[in-house]
N, C-alpha and C. Protein backbone atom coordinates (compact mmCIF):
# COMPACT_ATOMS: atom_id res chain seq x y z
N MET A 1 112.04 98.98 94.89
CA MET A 1 110.86 99.56 95.48
C MET A 1 110.40 98.66 96.63
N VAL A 2 109.72 99.26 97.58
CA VAL A 2 109.24 98.53 98.74
C VAL A 2 107.72 98.44 98.67
N GLY A 3 107.17 97.29 99.00
CA GLY A 3 105.73 97.11 99.04
C GLY A 3 105.27 96.83 100.47
N TYR A 4 104.18 97.45 100.85
CA TYR A 4 103.66 97.29 102.22
C TYR A 4 102.32 96.57 102.26
N LYS A 5 102.02 95.77 101.23
CA LYS A 5 100.75 95.02 101.23
C LYS A 5 100.65 94.09 102.44
N ASN A 6 101.80 93.55 102.84
CA ASN A 6 101.80 92.67 104.02
C ASN A 6 101.32 93.42 105.26
N LEU A 7 101.69 94.69 105.37
CA LEU A 7 101.25 95.50 106.52
C LEU A 7 99.74 95.65 106.51
N TRP A 8 99.19 95.98 105.36
CA TRP A 8 97.73 96.20 105.29
C TRP A 8 96.98 94.90 105.61
N LYS A 9 97.51 93.77 105.13
CA LYS A 9 96.87 92.48 105.44
C LYS A 9 96.97 92.19 106.93
N LEU A 10 98.13 92.47 107.52
CA LEU A 10 98.32 92.23 108.95
C LEU A 10 97.36 93.09 109.78
N LEU A 11 97.18 94.35 109.38
CA LEU A 11 96.24 95.21 110.10
C LEU A 11 94.83 94.65 110.03
N ILE A 12 94.44 94.16 108.87
CA ILE A 12 93.11 93.56 108.72
C ILE A 12 93.00 92.33 109.61
N ASP A 13 94.02 91.46 109.57
CA ASP A 13 94.00 90.23 110.37
C ASP A 13 93.91 90.53 111.86
N LYS A 14 94.56 91.62 112.30
CA LYS A 14 94.56 91.98 113.72
C LYS A 14 93.43 92.94 114.07
N ASP A 15 92.60 93.28 113.08
CA ASP A 15 91.47 94.20 113.26
C ASP A 15 91.94 95.55 113.83
N ILE A 16 92.99 96.08 113.21
CA ILE A 16 93.55 97.37 113.61
C ILE A 16 93.34 98.36 112.46
N LYS A 17 92.80 99.50 112.77
CA LYS A 17 92.57 100.53 111.77
C LYS A 17 93.84 101.37 111.61
N LYS A 18 93.97 102.01 110.45
CA LYS A 18 95.16 102.83 110.18
C LYS A 18 95.31 103.94 111.21
N ARG A 19 94.21 104.55 111.62
CA ARG A 19 94.31 105.63 112.61
C ARG A 19 94.80 105.08 113.95
N ASP A 20 94.45 103.83 114.27
CA ASP A 20 94.95 103.21 115.49
C ASP A 20 96.45 102.93 115.38
N LEU A 21 96.89 102.57 114.18
CA LEU A 21 98.32 102.37 113.96
C LEU A 21 99.08 103.67 114.22
N LEU A 22 98.52 104.78 113.77
CA LEU A 22 99.15 106.08 114.02
C LEU A 22 99.30 106.33 115.51
N LYS A 23 98.25 106.02 116.26
CA LYS A 23 98.27 106.27 117.71
C LYS A 23 99.31 105.41 118.43
N VAL A 24 99.33 104.11 118.14
CA VAL A 24 100.20 103.22 118.90
C VAL A 24 101.67 103.34 118.50
N THR A 25 101.93 103.82 117.29
CA THR A 25 103.32 103.94 116.84
C THR A 25 103.86 105.36 116.96
N GLY A 26 102.97 106.34 116.99
CA GLY A 26 103.40 107.73 117.02
C GLY A 26 103.87 108.24 115.68
N ILE A 27 103.57 107.50 114.61
CA ILE A 27 103.97 107.98 113.28
C ILE A 27 102.99 109.05 112.81
N SER A 28 103.42 109.86 111.88
CA SER A 28 102.60 110.97 111.40
C SER A 28 101.72 110.52 110.24
N PRO A 29 100.66 111.29 109.96
CA PRO A 29 99.84 111.01 108.78
C PRO A 29 100.67 111.06 107.49
N ALA A 30 101.69 111.90 107.44
CA ALA A 30 102.55 111.97 106.25
C ALA A 30 103.30 110.64 106.05
N THR A 31 103.71 110.04 107.15
CA THR A 31 104.38 108.74 107.06
C THR A 31 103.41 107.67 106.58
N LEU A 32 102.18 107.73 107.04
CA LEU A 32 101.17 106.80 106.58
C LEU A 32 100.94 106.95 105.07
N THR A 33 100.98 108.18 104.59
CA THR A 33 100.85 108.43 103.16
C THR A 33 102.01 107.79 102.40
N LYS A 34 103.22 107.89 102.95
CA LYS A 34 104.38 107.25 102.33
C LYS A 34 104.19 105.73 102.28
N LEU A 35 103.65 105.16 103.35
CA LEU A 35 103.37 103.73 103.37
C LEU A 35 102.37 103.37 102.27
N ASN A 36 101.33 104.17 102.15
CA ASN A 36 100.30 103.92 101.13
C ASN A 36 100.88 103.98 99.72
N LYS A 37 101.87 104.84 99.52
CA LYS A 37 102.48 105.01 98.20
C LYS A 37 103.65 104.06 97.96
N GLY A 38 104.03 103.28 98.97
CA GLY A 38 105.15 102.36 98.83
C GLY A 38 106.49 103.07 98.77
N GLU A 39 106.58 104.21 99.43
CA GLU A 39 107.83 104.97 99.43
C GLU A 39 108.76 104.47 100.54
N ASN A 40 110.03 104.84 100.43
CA ASN A 40 111.01 104.45 101.44
C ASN A 40 110.76 105.17 102.76
N LEU A 41 111.05 104.46 103.84
CA LEU A 41 110.90 105.01 105.19
C LEU A 41 112.17 104.79 105.99
N ASN A 42 112.34 105.59 107.00
CA ASN A 42 113.43 105.43 107.95
C ASN A 42 113.22 104.09 108.68
N THR A 43 114.30 103.38 108.93
CA THR A 43 114.16 102.09 109.62
C THR A 43 113.59 102.25 111.02
N ASP A 44 113.80 103.39 111.66
CA ASP A 44 113.21 103.65 112.97
C ASP A 44 111.69 103.53 112.91
N ILE A 45 111.09 104.03 111.85
CA ILE A 45 109.64 103.95 111.67
C ILE A 45 109.22 102.49 111.55
N LEU A 46 109.94 101.74 110.73
CA LEU A 46 109.61 100.32 110.54
C LEU A 46 109.75 99.54 111.85
N VAL A 47 110.78 99.87 112.63
CA VAL A 47 110.97 99.21 113.92
C VAL A 47 109.81 99.53 114.86
N ARG A 48 109.36 100.80 114.88
CA ARG A 48 108.22 101.16 115.73
C ARG A 48 106.96 100.40 115.34
N ILE A 49 106.75 100.25 114.04
CA ILE A 49 105.58 99.51 113.57
C ILE A 49 105.69 98.04 113.98
N CYS A 50 106.86 97.46 113.77
CA CYS A 50 107.07 96.05 114.14
C CYS A 50 106.90 95.83 115.64
N ASN A 51 107.43 96.74 116.44
CA ASN A 51 107.28 96.61 117.90
C ASN A 51 105.82 96.72 118.31
N ALA A 52 105.10 97.65 117.73
CA ALA A 52 103.69 97.84 118.08
C ALA A 52 102.84 96.64 117.67
N LEU A 53 103.16 96.04 116.53
CA LEU A 53 102.36 94.92 116.03
C LEU A 53 102.94 93.56 116.44
N LYS A 54 104.08 93.60 117.14
CA LYS A 54 104.76 92.38 117.58
C LYS A 54 105.01 91.44 116.38
N CYS A 55 105.75 91.98 115.42
CA CYS A 55 106.04 91.23 114.20
C CYS A 55 107.44 91.57 113.71
N THR A 56 107.83 91.00 112.61
CA THR A 56 109.13 91.28 112.01
C THR A 56 108.94 92.12 110.75
N SER A 57 110.03 92.64 110.22
CA SER A 57 109.94 93.48 109.02
C SER A 57 109.36 92.72 107.83
N SER A 58 109.66 91.44 107.73
CA SER A 58 109.11 90.66 106.61
C SER A 58 107.61 90.46 106.73
N ASP A 59 107.07 90.67 107.94
CA ASP A 59 105.62 90.58 108.13
C ASP A 59 104.90 91.82 107.61
N ILE A 60 105.62 92.93 107.42
CA ILE A 60 104.96 94.17 107.02
C ILE A 60 105.41 94.70 105.66
N MET A 61 106.52 94.20 105.13
CA MET A 61 107.01 94.75 103.87
C MET A 61 107.72 93.69 103.05
N LYS A 62 107.87 93.99 101.76
CA LYS A 62 108.68 93.15 100.89
C LYS A 62 109.30 94.03 99.81
N ILE A 63 110.41 93.56 99.28
CA ILE A 63 111.08 94.28 98.20
C ILE A 63 110.42 93.86 96.89
N VAL A 64 109.98 94.87 96.13
CA VAL A 64 109.33 94.63 94.85
C VAL A 64 110.31 95.04 93.76
N PRO A 65 110.61 94.14 92.83
CA PRO A 65 111.56 94.50 91.77
C PRO A 65 111.08 95.72 90.99
N ASP A 66 112.02 96.60 90.71
CA ASP A 66 111.73 97.82 89.96
C ASP A 66 112.05 97.56 88.50
N ASP A 67 111.05 97.65 87.64
CA ASP A 67 111.24 97.38 86.21
C ASP A 67 112.21 98.36 85.57
N ASN A 68 112.40 99.54 86.18
CA ASN A 68 113.28 100.56 85.61
C ASN A 68 114.70 100.49 86.16
N ALA A 69 114.94 99.57 87.08
CA ALA A 69 116.28 99.45 87.68
C ALA A 69 117.26 98.88 86.66
N PRO A 70 118.49 99.37 86.69
CA PRO A 70 119.48 98.82 85.75
C PRO A 70 119.76 97.36 86.06
N SER A 71 120.01 96.58 85.04
CA SER A 71 120.29 95.16 85.24
C SER A 71 121.70 95.00 85.79
N SER A 72 121.96 93.85 86.40
CA SER A 72 123.27 93.59 87.01
C SER A 72 124.20 92.88 86.05
N LYS A 73 123.95 92.94 84.77
CA LYS A 73 124.80 92.27 83.77
C LYS A 73 126.08 93.00 83.55
């Protein structure tokens, strides 16, 4: 699973509202909903967000272990 808590913190630190993120990146409200739910996104979307915020992917997301994922044993 992917977590976007880093993105929300970065927006707060840069004093950017979610609606402003939509404007500068051109992403849709549906994509913002996916971000809020921690769902997977196309890498193109992540690149647009990183370019707009002048950051890297690790600044906006992290991989969260899935408790239901099969073990690698």
